[in-house]
Full PDB file with SEQRES, HELIX, SHEET, SSBOND, CRYST1, ORIGX, SCALE, CONECT and MASTER records, all heavy atoms in Angstrom:
SEQRES   1 A   38  ILE SER LEU TYR TYR PHE HIS ALA ILE PHE ALA SER GLY          
SEQRES   2 A   38  LEU SER ALA ASP MET LEU PHE LEU SER LEU SER PHE TYR          
SEQRES   3 A   38  CYS VAL ALA SER ALA MET LEU LEU THR CYS SER ASN              
HELIX    1 AA1 SER A    2  PHE A   10  1                                   9    
HELIX    2 AA2 ASP A   17  SER A   37  1                                  21    
CRYST1    1.000    1.000    1.000  90.00  90.00  90.00 P 1           1          
ORIGX1      1.000000  0.000000  0.000000        0.00000                         
ORIGX2      0.000000  1.000000  0.000000        0.00000                         
ORIGX3      0.000000  0.000000  1.000000        0.00000                         
SCALE1      1.000000  0.000000  0.000000        0.00000                         
SCALE2      0.000000  1.000000  0.000000        0.00000                         
SCALE3      0.000000  0.000000  1.000000        0.00000                         
ATOM      1  N   ILE A   1     141.492  45.551 171.532  1.00  0.00           N  
ATOM      2  CA  ILE A   1     141.356  44.120 171.811  1.00  0.00           C  
ATOM      3  C   ILE A   1     142.579  43.598 172.568  1.00  0.00           C  
ATOM      4  O   ILE A   1     142.451  42.876 173.562  1.00  0.00           O  
ATOM      5  CB  ILE A   1     141.174  43.340 170.496  1.00  0.00           C  
ATOM      6  CG1 ILE A   1     139.855  43.746 169.831  1.00  0.00           C  
ATOM      7  CG2 ILE A   1     141.190  41.841 170.737  1.00  0.00           C  
ATOM      8  CD1 ILE A   1     139.676  43.161 168.448  1.00  0.00           C  
ATOM      9  N   SER A   2     143.769  43.977 172.094  1.00  0.00           N  
ATOM     10  CA  SER A   2     144.998  43.515 172.749  1.00  0.00           C  
ATOM     11  C   SER A   2     145.065  44.002 174.187  1.00  0.00           C  
ATOM     12  O   SER A   2     145.392  43.244 175.112  1.00  0.00           O  
ATOM     13  CB  SER A   2     146.221  44.020 171.979  1.00  0.00           C  
ATOM     14  OG  SER A   2     146.186  43.590 170.649  1.00  0.00           O  
ATOM     15  N   LEU A   3     144.762  45.283 174.382  1.00  0.00           N  
ATOM     16  CA  LEU A   3     144.795  45.855 175.722  1.00  0.00           C  
ATOM     17  C   LEU A   3     143.840  45.122 176.647  1.00  0.00           C  
ATOM     18  O   LEU A   3     144.190  44.775 177.785  1.00  0.00           O  
ATOM     19  CB  LEU A   3     144.430  47.340 175.666  1.00  0.00           C  
ATOM     20  CG  LEU A   3     144.345  48.072 177.009  1.00  0.00           C  
ATOM     21  CD1 LEU A   3     145.708  48.084 177.682  1.00  0.00           C  
ATOM     22  CD2 LEU A   3     143.839  49.490 176.809  1.00  0.00           C  
ATOM     23  N   TYR A   4     142.643  44.829 176.157  1.00  0.00           N  
ATOM     24  CA  TYR A   4     141.636  44.168 176.998  1.00  0.00           C  
ATOM     25  C   TYR A   4     142.097  42.762 177.397  1.00  0.00           C  
ATOM     26  O   TYR A   4     142.084  42.405 178.575  1.00  0.00           O  
ATOM     27  CB  TYR A   4     140.302  44.086 176.263  1.00  0.00           C  
ATOM     28  CG  TYR A   4     139.286  43.243 176.998  1.00  0.00           C  
ATOM     29  CD1 TYR A   4     138.588  43.771 178.083  1.00  0.00           C  
ATOM     30  CD2 TYR A   4     139.046  41.921 176.632  1.00  0.00           C  
ATOM     31  CE1 TYR A   4     137.672  43.007 178.784  1.00  0.00           C  
ATOM     32  CE2 TYR A   4     138.130  41.150 177.335  1.00  0.00           C  
ATOM     33  CZ  TYR A   4     137.444  41.699 178.394  1.00  0.00           C  
ATOM     34  OH  TYR A   4     136.553  40.931 179.086  1.00  0.00           O  
ATOM     35  N   TYR A   5     142.501  41.944 176.426  1.00  0.00           N  
ATOM     36  CA  TYR A   5     142.817  40.545 176.723  1.00  0.00           C  
ATOM     37  C   TYR A   5     144.069  40.405 177.569  1.00  0.00           C  
ATOM     38  O   TYR A   5     144.103  39.612 178.523  1.00  0.00           O  
ATOM     39  CB  TYR A   5     142.958  39.742 175.426  1.00  0.00           C  
ATOM     40  CG  TYR A   5     141.630  39.351 174.836  1.00  0.00           C  
ATOM     41  CD1 TYR A   5     141.208  39.871 173.622  1.00  0.00           C  
ATOM     42  CD2 TYR A   5     140.780  38.462 175.488  1.00  0.00           C  
ATOM     43  CE1 TYR A   5     139.984  39.523 173.076  1.00  0.00           C  
ATOM     44  CE2 TYR A   5     139.558  38.104 174.955  1.00  0.00           C  
ATOM     45  CZ  TYR A   5     139.163  38.641 173.751  1.00  0.00           C  
ATOM     46  OH  TYR A   5     137.955  38.299 173.229  1.00  0.00           O  
ATOM     47  N   PHE A   6     145.115  41.163 177.237  1.00  0.00           N  
ATOM     48  CA  PHE A   6     146.341  41.031 178.021  1.00  0.00           C  
ATOM     49  C   PHE A   6     146.152  41.570 179.443  1.00  0.00           C  
ATOM     50  O   PHE A   6     146.685  41.019 180.404  1.00  0.00           O  
ATOM     51  CB  PHE A   6     147.500  41.755 177.322  1.00  0.00           C  
ATOM     52  CG  PHE A   6     148.094  40.964 176.196  1.00  0.00           C  
ATOM     53  CD1 PHE A   6     148.092  41.469 174.897  1.00  0.00           C  
ATOM     54  CD2 PHE A   6     148.644  39.713 176.399  1.00  0.00           C  
ATOM     55  CE1 PHE A   6     148.634  40.739 173.842  1.00  0.00           C  
ATOM     56  CE2 PHE A   6     149.185  38.976 175.362  1.00  0.00           C  
ATOM     57  CZ  PHE A   6     149.178  39.491 174.083  1.00  0.00           C  
ATOM     58  N   HIS A   7     145.374  42.644 179.570  1.00  0.00           N  
ATOM     59  CA  HIS A   7     145.117  43.181 180.903  1.00  0.00           C  
ATOM     60  C   HIS A   7     144.238  42.219 181.699  1.00  0.00           C  
ATOM     61  O   HIS A   7     144.407  42.057 182.910  1.00  0.00           O  
ATOM     62  CB  HIS A   7     144.439  44.543 180.798  1.00  0.00           C  
ATOM     63  CG  HIS A   7     144.539  45.361 182.054  1.00  0.00           C  
ATOM     64  ND1 HIS A   7     143.721  45.157 183.139  1.00  0.00           N  
ATOM     65  CD2 HIS A   7     145.374  46.373 182.391  1.00  0.00           C  
ATOM     66  CE1 HIS A   7     144.035  46.011 184.098  1.00  0.00           C  
ATOM     67  NE2 HIS A   7     145.024  46.758 183.678  1.00  0.00           N  
ATOM     68  N   ALA A   8     143.313  41.553 181.012  1.00  0.00           N  
ATOM     69  CA  ALA A   8     142.422  40.614 181.697  1.00  0.00           C  
ATOM     70  C   ALA A   8     143.172  39.387 182.204  1.00  0.00           C  
ATOM     71  O   ALA A   8     142.836  38.839 183.256  1.00  0.00           O  
ATOM     72  CB  ALA A   8     141.300  40.185 180.752  1.00  0.00           C  
ATOM     73  N   ILE A   9     144.185  38.961 181.462  1.00  0.00           N  
ATOM     74  CA  ILE A   9     144.870  37.721 181.838  1.00  0.00           C  
ATOM     75  C   ILE A   9     146.040  37.973 182.795  1.00  0.00           C  
ATOM     76  O   ILE A   9     146.341  37.154 183.649  1.00  0.00           O  
ATOM     77  CB  ILE A   9     145.351  36.962 180.580  1.00  0.00           C  
ATOM     78  CG1 ILE A   9     145.622  35.497 180.922  1.00  0.00           C  
ATOM     79  CG2 ILE A   9     146.566  37.597 179.964  1.00  0.00           C  
ATOM     80  CD1 ILE A   9     144.425  34.714 181.336  1.00  0.00           C  
ATOM     81  N   PHE A  10     146.687  39.144 182.658  1.00  0.00           N  
ATOM     82  CA  PHE A  10     147.871  39.391 183.477  1.00  0.00           C  
ATOM     83  C   PHE A  10     147.627  40.382 184.616  1.00  0.00           C  
ATOM     84  O   PHE A  10     148.481  40.578 185.455  1.00  0.00           O  
ATOM     85  CB  PHE A  10     149.024  39.899 182.607  1.00  0.00           C  
ATOM     86  CG  PHE A  10     149.512  38.883 181.626  1.00  0.00           C  
ATOM     87  CD1 PHE A  10     149.343  39.058 180.263  1.00  0.00           C  
ATOM     88  CD2 PHE A  10     150.126  37.720 182.061  1.00  0.00           C  
ATOM     89  CE1 PHE A  10     149.794  38.110 179.353  1.00  0.00           C  
ATOM     90  CE2 PHE A  10     150.578  36.764 181.158  1.00  0.00           C  
ATOM     91  CZ  PHE A  10     150.414  36.962 179.809  1.00  0.00           C  
ATOM     92  N   ALA A  11     146.456  41.029 184.616  1.00  0.00           N  
ATOM     93  CA  ALA A  11     146.143  41.995 185.679  1.00  0.00           C  
ATOM     94  C   ALA A  11     144.735  41.712 186.193  1.00  0.00           C  
ATOM     95  O   ALA A  11     144.219  40.620 186.050  1.00  0.00           O  
ATOM     96  CB  ALA A  11     146.286  43.432 185.164  1.00  0.00           C  
ATOM     97  N   SER A  12     144.116  42.716 186.738  1.00  0.00           N  
ATOM     98  CA  SER A  12     142.806  42.496 187.351  1.00  0.00           C  
ATOM     99  C   SER A  12     141.678  42.463 186.346  1.00  0.00           C  
ATOM    100  O   SER A  12     140.581  42.031 186.654  1.00  0.00           O  
ATOM    101  CB  SER A  12     142.542  43.619 188.368  1.00  0.00           C  
ATOM    102  OG  SER A  12     142.564  44.885 187.706  1.00  0.00           O  
ATOM    103  N   GLY A  13     141.917  42.932 185.141  1.00  0.00           N  
ATOM    104  CA  GLY A  13     140.863  42.897 184.128  1.00  0.00           C  
ATOM    105  C   GLY A  13     140.222  44.251 183.919  1.00  0.00           C  
ATOM    106  O   GLY A  13     140.118  45.079 184.826  1.00  0.00           O  
ATOM    107  N   LEU A  14     139.791  44.512 182.706  1.00  0.00           N  
ATOM    108  CA  LEU A  14     139.098  45.745 182.352  1.00  0.00           C  
ATOM    109  C   LEU A  14     137.660  45.420 181.985  1.00  0.00           C  
ATOM    110  O   LEU A  14     137.314  44.285 181.689  1.00  0.00           O  
ATOM    111  CB  LEU A  14     139.790  46.431 181.155  1.00  0.00           C  
ATOM    112  CG  LEU A  14     141.225  46.905 181.377  1.00  0.00           C  
ATOM    113  CD1 LEU A  14     141.809  47.383 180.060  1.00  0.00           C  
ATOM    114  CD2 LEU A  14     141.261  48.024 182.396  1.00  0.00           C  
ATOM    115  N   SER A  15     136.820  46.443 181.953  1.00  0.00           N  
ATOM    116  CA  SER A  15     135.439  46.242 181.556  1.00  0.00           C  
ATOM    117  C   SER A  15     135.380  45.871 180.079  1.00  0.00           C  
ATOM    118  O   SER A  15     136.124  46.407 179.254  1.00  0.00           O  
ATOM    119  CB  SER A  15     134.642  47.531 181.801  1.00  0.00           C  
ATOM    120  OG  SER A  15     133.360  47.425 181.247  1.00  0.00           O  
ATOM    121  N   ALA A  16     134.461  44.955 179.755  1.00  0.00           N  
ATOM    122  CA  ALA A  16     134.316  44.515 178.360  1.00  0.00           C  
ATOM    123  C   ALA A  16     133.511  45.499 177.526  1.00  0.00           C  
ATOM    124  O   ALA A  16     133.402  45.324 176.314  1.00  0.00           O  
ATOM    125  CB  ALA A  16     133.643  43.143 178.323  1.00  0.00           C  
ATOM    126  N   ASP A  17     132.946  46.532 178.167  1.00  0.00           N  
ATOM    127  CA  ASP A  17     132.096  47.469 177.428  1.00  0.00           C  
ATOM    128  C   ASP A  17     132.863  48.162 176.308  1.00  0.00           C  
ATOM    129  O   ASP A  17     132.363  48.308 175.187  1.00  0.00           O  
ATOM    130  CB  ASP A  17     131.515  48.526 178.376  1.00  0.00           C  
ATOM    131  CG  ASP A  17     130.665  47.898 179.467  1.00  0.00           C  
ATOM    132  OD1 ASP A  17     130.078  46.822 179.193  1.00  0.00           O  
ATOM    133  OD2 ASP A  17     130.590  48.457 180.575  1.00  0.00           O  
ATOM    134  N   MET A  18     134.092  48.605 176.596  1.00  0.00           N  
ATOM    135  CA  MET A  18     134.901  49.269 175.580  1.00  0.00           C  
ATOM    136  C   MET A  18     135.231  48.326 174.434  1.00  0.00           C  
ATOM    137  O   MET A  18     135.248  48.730 173.261  1.00  0.00           O  
ATOM    138  CB  MET A  18     136.188  49.808 176.213  1.00  0.00           C  
ATOM    139  CG  MET A  18     137.067  50.606 175.240  1.00  0.00           C  
ATOM    140  SD  MET A  18     136.219  52.046 174.550  1.00  0.00           S  
ATOM    141  CE  MET A  18     136.093  53.062 176.011  1.00  0.00           C  
ATOM    142  N   LEU A  19     135.468  47.050 174.754  1.00  0.00           N  
ATOM    143  CA  LEU A  19     135.749  46.057 173.716  1.00  0.00           C  
ATOM    144  C   LEU A  19     134.547  45.868 172.805  1.00  0.00           C  
ATOM    145  O   LEU A  19     134.672  45.857 171.582  1.00  0.00           O  
ATOM    146  CB  LEU A  19     136.129  44.730 174.374  1.00  0.00           C  
ATOM    147  CG  LEU A  19     136.412  43.561 173.444  1.00  0.00           C  
ATOM    148  CD1 LEU A  19     137.636  43.836 172.583  1.00  0.00           C  
ATOM    149  CD2 LEU A  19     136.608  42.283 174.250  1.00  0.00           C  
ATOM    150  N   PHE A  20     133.350  45.740 173.395  1.00  0.00           N  
ATOM    151  CA  PHE A  20     132.139  45.554 172.595  1.00  0.00           C  
ATOM    152  C   PHE A  20     131.873  46.762 171.700  1.00  0.00           C  
ATOM    153  O   PHE A  20     131.538  46.622 170.521  1.00  0.00           O  
ATOM    154  CB  PHE A  20     130.935  45.317 173.517  1.00  0.00           C  
ATOM    155  CG  PHE A  20     130.977  43.996 174.237  1.00  0.00           C  
ATOM    156  CD1 PHE A  20     130.466  43.869 175.520  1.00  0.00           C  
ATOM    157  CD2 PHE A  20     131.532  42.877 173.645  1.00  0.00           C  
ATOM    158  CE1 PHE A  20     130.502  42.657 176.183  1.00  0.00           C  
ATOM    159  CE2 PHE A  20     131.576  41.656 174.301  1.00  0.00           C  
ATOM    160  CZ  PHE A  20     131.057  41.549 175.574  1.00  0.00           C  
ATOM    161  N   LEU A  21     132.022  47.969 172.262  1.00  0.00           N  
ATOM    162  CA  LEU A  21     131.772  49.178 171.480  1.00  0.00           C  
ATOM    163  C   LEU A  21     132.814  49.349 170.371  1.00  0.00           C  
ATOM    164  O   LEU A  21     132.489  49.797 169.270  1.00  0.00           O  
ATOM    165  CB  LEU A  21     131.766  50.407 172.398  1.00  0.00           C  
ATOM    166  CG  LEU A  21     130.555  50.525 173.328  1.00  0.00           C  
ATOM    167  CD1 LEU A  21     130.715  51.703 174.270  1.00  0.00           C  
ATOM    168  CD2 LEU A  21     129.261  50.658 172.531  1.00  0.00           C  
ATOM    169  N   SER A  22     134.077  48.983 170.658  1.00  0.00           N  
ATOM    170  CA  SER A  22     135.125  49.092 169.639  1.00  0.00           C  
ATOM    171  C   SER A  22     134.847  48.165 168.463  1.00  0.00           C  
ATOM    172  O   SER A  22     134.982  48.567 167.295  1.00  0.00           O  
ATOM    173  CB  SER A  22     136.489  48.750 170.252  1.00  0.00           C  
ATOM    174  OG  SER A  22     136.833  49.667 171.246  1.00  0.00           O  
ATOM    175  N   LEU A  23     134.430  46.933 168.750  1.00  0.00           N  
ATOM    176  CA  LEU A  23     134.128  45.990 167.676  1.00  0.00           C  
ATOM    177  C   LEU A  23     132.893  46.429 166.888  1.00  0.00           C  
ATOM    178  O   LEU A  23     132.846  46.280 165.662  1.00  0.00           O  
ATOM    179  CB  LEU A  23     133.921  44.593 168.256  1.00  0.00           C  
ATOM    180  CG  LEU A  23     135.190  43.899 168.741  1.00  0.00           C  
ATOM    181  CD1 LEU A  23     134.854  42.633 169.508  1.00  0.00           C  
ATOM    182  CD2 LEU A  23     136.111  43.568 167.573  1.00  0.00           C  
ATOM    183  N   SER A  24     131.894  46.972 167.568  1.00  0.00           N  
ATOM    184  CA  SER A  24     130.701  47.463 166.872  1.00  0.00           C  
ATOM    185  C   SER A  24     131.052  48.642 165.973  1.00  0.00           C  
ATOM    186  O   SER A  24     130.586  48.738 164.829  1.00  0.00           O  
ATOM    187  CB  SER A  24     129.630  47.874 167.889  1.00  0.00           C  
ATOM    188  OG  SER A  24     129.237  46.779 168.674  1.00  0.00           O  
ATOM    189  N   PHE A  25     131.896  49.551 166.497  1.00  0.00           N  
ATOM    190  CA  PHE A  25     132.339  50.680 165.679  1.00  0.00           C  
ATOM    191  C   PHE A  25     133.145  50.205 164.477  1.00  0.00           C  
ATOM    192  O   PHE A  25     133.004  50.728 163.363  1.00  0.00           O  
ATOM    193  CB  PHE A  25     133.182  51.638 166.532  1.00  0.00           C  
ATOM    194  CG  PHE A  25     133.894  52.694 165.727  1.00  0.00           C  
ATOM    195  CD1 PHE A  25     133.199  53.765 165.212  1.00  0.00           C  
ATOM    196  CD2 PHE A  25     135.255  52.587 165.481  1.00  0.00           C  
ATOM    197  CE1 PHE A  25     133.861  54.740 164.449  1.00  0.00           C  
ATOM    198  CE2 PHE A  25     135.910  53.539 164.728  1.00  0.00           C  
ATOM    199  CZ  PHE A  25     135.212  54.632 164.214  1.00  0.00           C  
ATOM    200  N   TYR A  26     133.989  49.203 164.695  1.00  0.00           N  
ATOM    201  CA  TYR A  26     134.788  48.649 163.589  1.00  0.00           C  
ATOM    202  C   TYR A  26     133.890  48.137 162.468  1.00  0.00           C  
ATOM    203  O   TYR A  26     134.156  48.378 161.288  1.00  0.00           O  
ATOM    204  CB  TYR A  26     135.678  47.524 164.111  1.00  0.00           C  
ATOM    205  CG  TYR A  26     136.176  46.592 163.028  1.00  0.00           C  
ATOM    206  CD1 TYR A  26     137.233  46.968 162.205  1.00  0.00           C  
ATOM    207  CD2 TYR A  26     135.571  45.351 162.819  1.00  0.00           C  
ATOM    208  CE1 TYR A  26     137.670  46.125 161.202  1.00  0.00           C  
ATOM    209  CE2 TYR A  26     136.011  44.507 161.822  1.00  0.00           C  
ATOM    210  CZ  TYR A  26     137.053  44.899 161.014  1.00  0.00           C  
ATOM    211  OH  TYR A  26     137.482  44.058 160.012  1.00  0.00           O  
ATOM    212  N   CYS A  27     132.813  47.420 162.814  1.00  0.00           N  
ATOM    213  CA  CYS A  27     131.915  46.862 161.797  1.00  0.00           C  
ATOM    214  C   CYS A  27     131.263  47.971 160.986  1.00  0.00           C  
ATOM    215  O   CYS A  27     131.161  47.883 159.752  1.00  0.00           O  
ATOM    216  CB  CYS A  27     130.843  45.996 162.455  1.00  0.00           C  
ATOM    217  SG  CYS A  27     131.474  44.495 163.218  1.00  0.00           S  
ATOM    218  N   VAL A  28     130.804  49.031 161.661  1.00  0.00           N  
ATOM    219  CA  VAL A  28     130.149  50.142 160.964  1.00  0.00           C  
ATOM    220  C   VAL A  28     131.154  50.889 160.089  1.00  0.00           C  
ATOM    221  O   VAL A  28     130.905  51.151 158.903  1.00  0.00           O  
ATOM    222  CB  VAL A  28     129.495  51.104 161.974  1.00  0.00           C  
ATOM    223  CG1 VAL A  28     128.896  52.309 161.260  1.00  0.00           C  
ATOM    224  CG2 VAL A  28     128.410  50.381 162.769  1.00  0.00           C  
ATOM    225  N   ALA A  29     132.309  51.249 160.675  1.00  0.00           N  
ATOM    226  CA  ALA A  29     133.299  52.043 159.943  1.00  0.00           C  
ATOM    227  C   ALA A  29     133.881  51.278 158.761  1.00  0.00           C  
ATOM    228  O   ALA A  29     134.049  51.834 157.669  1.00  0.00           O  
ATOM    229  CB  ALA A  29     134.418  52.478 160.891  1.00  0.00           C  
ATOM    230  N   SER A  30     134.188  49.997 158.944  1.00  0.00           N  
ATOM    231  CA  SER A  30     134.764  49.214 157.845  1.00  0.00           C  
ATOM    232  C   SER A  30     133.771  49.055 156.705  1.00  0.00           C  
ATOM    233  O   SER A  30     134.149  49.105 155.531  1.00  0.00           O  
ATOM    234  CB  SER A  30     135.211  47.833 158.356  1.00  0.00           C  
ATOM    235  OG  SER A  30     134.120  47.102 158.866  1.00  0.00           O  
ATOM    236  N   ALA A  31     132.473  48.876 157.038  1.00  0.00           N  
ATOM    237  CA  ALA A  31     131.460  48.757 155.984  1.00  0.00           C  
ATOM    238  C   ALA A  31     131.360  50.040 155.179  1.00  0.00           C  
ATOM    239  O   ALA A  31     131.283  50.014 153.937  1.00  0.00           O  
ATOM    240  CB  ALA A  31     130.104  48.405 156.598  1.00  0.00           C  
ATOM    241  N   MET A  32     131.364  51.186 155.857  1.00  0.00           N  
ATOM    242  CA  MET A  32     131.256  52.472 155.154  1.00  0.00           C  
ATOM    243  C   MET A  32     132.488  52.740 154.295  1.00  0.00           C  
ATOM    244  O   MET A  32     132.377  53.218 153.153  1.00  0.00           O  
ATOM    245  CB  MET A  32     131.066  53.598 156.170  1.00  0.00           C  
ATOM    246  CG  MET A  32     129.720  53.570 156.867  1.00  0.00           C  
ATOM    247  SD  MET A  32     129.518  54.907 158.048  1.00  0.00           S  
ATOM    248  CE  MET A  32     127.822  54.644 158.568  1.00  0.00           C  
ATOM    249  N   LEU A  33     133.671  52.439 154.835  1.00  0.00           N  
ATOM    250  CA  LEU A  33     134.898  52.650 154.067  1.00  0.00           C  
ATOM    251  C   LEU A  33     134.968  51.715 152.856  1.00  0.00           C  
ATOM    252  O   LEU A  33     135.447  52.095 151.790  1.00  0.00           O  
ATOM    253  CB  LEU A  33     136.124  52.457 154.957  1.00  0.00           C  
ATOM    254  CG  LEU A  33     136.380  53.577 155.969  1.00  0.00           C  
ATOM    255  CD1 LEU A  33     137.452  53.165 156.966  1.00  0.00           C  
ATOM    256  CD2 LEU A  33     136.791  54.861 155.255  1.00  0.00           C  
ATOM    257  N   LEU A  34     134.481  50.479 153.016  1.00  0.00           N  
ATOM    258  CA  LEU A  34     134.434  49.557 151.881  1.00  0.00           C  
ATOM    259  C   LEU A  34     133.515  50.086 150.790  1.00  0.00           C  
ATOM    260  O   LEU A  34     133.829  50.017 149.601  1.00  0.00           O  
ATOM    261  CB  LEU A  34     133.949  48.180 152.344  1.00  0.00           C  
ATOM    262  CG  LEU A  34     134.995  47.185 152.834  1.00  0.00           C  
ATOM    263  CD1 LEU A  34     134.315  45.885 153.239  1.00  0.00           C  
ATOM    264  CD2 LEU A  34     136.041  46.913 151.761  1.00  0.00           C  
ATOM    265  N   THR A  35     132.359  50.608 151.206  1.00  0.00           N  
ATOM    266  CA  THR A  35     131.410  51.160 150.234  1.00  0.00           C  
ATOM    267  C   THR A  35     132.033  52.321 149.471  1.00  0.00           C  
ATOM    268  O   THR A  35     131.867  52.428 148.248  1.00  0.00           O  
ATOM    269  CB  THR A  35     130.128  51.628 150.947  1.00  0.00           C  
ATOM    270  OG1 THR A  35     129.592  50.552 151.702  1.00  0.00           O  
ATOM    271  CG2 THR A  35     129.086  52.092 149.949  1.00  0.00           C  
ATOM    272  N   CYS A  36     132.738  53.183 150.185  1.00  0.00           N  
ATOM    273  CA  CYS A  36     133.340  54.364 149.540  1.00  0.00           C  
ATOM    274  C   CYS A  36     134.530  53.997 148.655  1.00  0.00           C  
ATOM    275  O   CYS A  36     134.786  54.676 147.651  1.00  0.00           O  
ATOM    276  CB  CYS A  36     133.779  55.367 150.595  1.00  0.00           C  
ATOM    277  SG  CYS A  36     132.429  56.075 151.548  1.00  0.00           S  
ATOM    278  N   SER A  37     135.265  52.942 149.004  1.00  0.00           N  
ATOM    279  CA  SER A  37     136.497  52.625 148.270  1.00  0.00           C  
ATOM    280  C   SER A  37     136.255  51.750 147.046  1.00  0.00           C  
ATOM    281  O   SER A  37     137.110  51.697 146.156  1.00  0.00           O  
ATOM    282  CB  SER A  37     137.492  51.920 149.205  1.00  0.00           C  
ATOM    283  OG  SER A  37     136.969  50.677 149.641  1.00  0.00           O  
ATOM    284  N   ASN A  38     135.110  51.067 146.982  1.00  0.00           N  
ATOM    285  CA  ASN A  38     134.841  50.165 145.860  1.00  0.00           C  
ATOM    286  C   ASN A  38     133.930  50.850 144.849  1.00  0.00           C  
ATOM    287  O   ASN A  38     132.847  51.341 145.207  1.00  0.00           O  
ATOM    288  CB  ASN A  38     134.201  48.872 146.376  1.00  0.00           C  
ATOM    289  CG  ASN A  38     134.040  47.833 145.281  1.00  0.00           C  
ATOM    290  OD1 ASN A  38     133.008  47.769 144.620  1.00  0.00           O  
ATOM    291  ND2 ASN A  38     135.058  47.021 145.076  1.00  0.00           N  
TER     292      ASN A  38                                                      
MASTER        0    0    0    2    0    0    0    6  291    1    0    3          
END                                                                             
């Protein structure tokens, strides 16, 4: 997220696809880890 936003504002910008996939992966992984840890 940091890489995407700072590069977008101070440089030419990166594709948002990696940002969307990273956030989607975060939601899946965090849910599974929460299930396993509780």
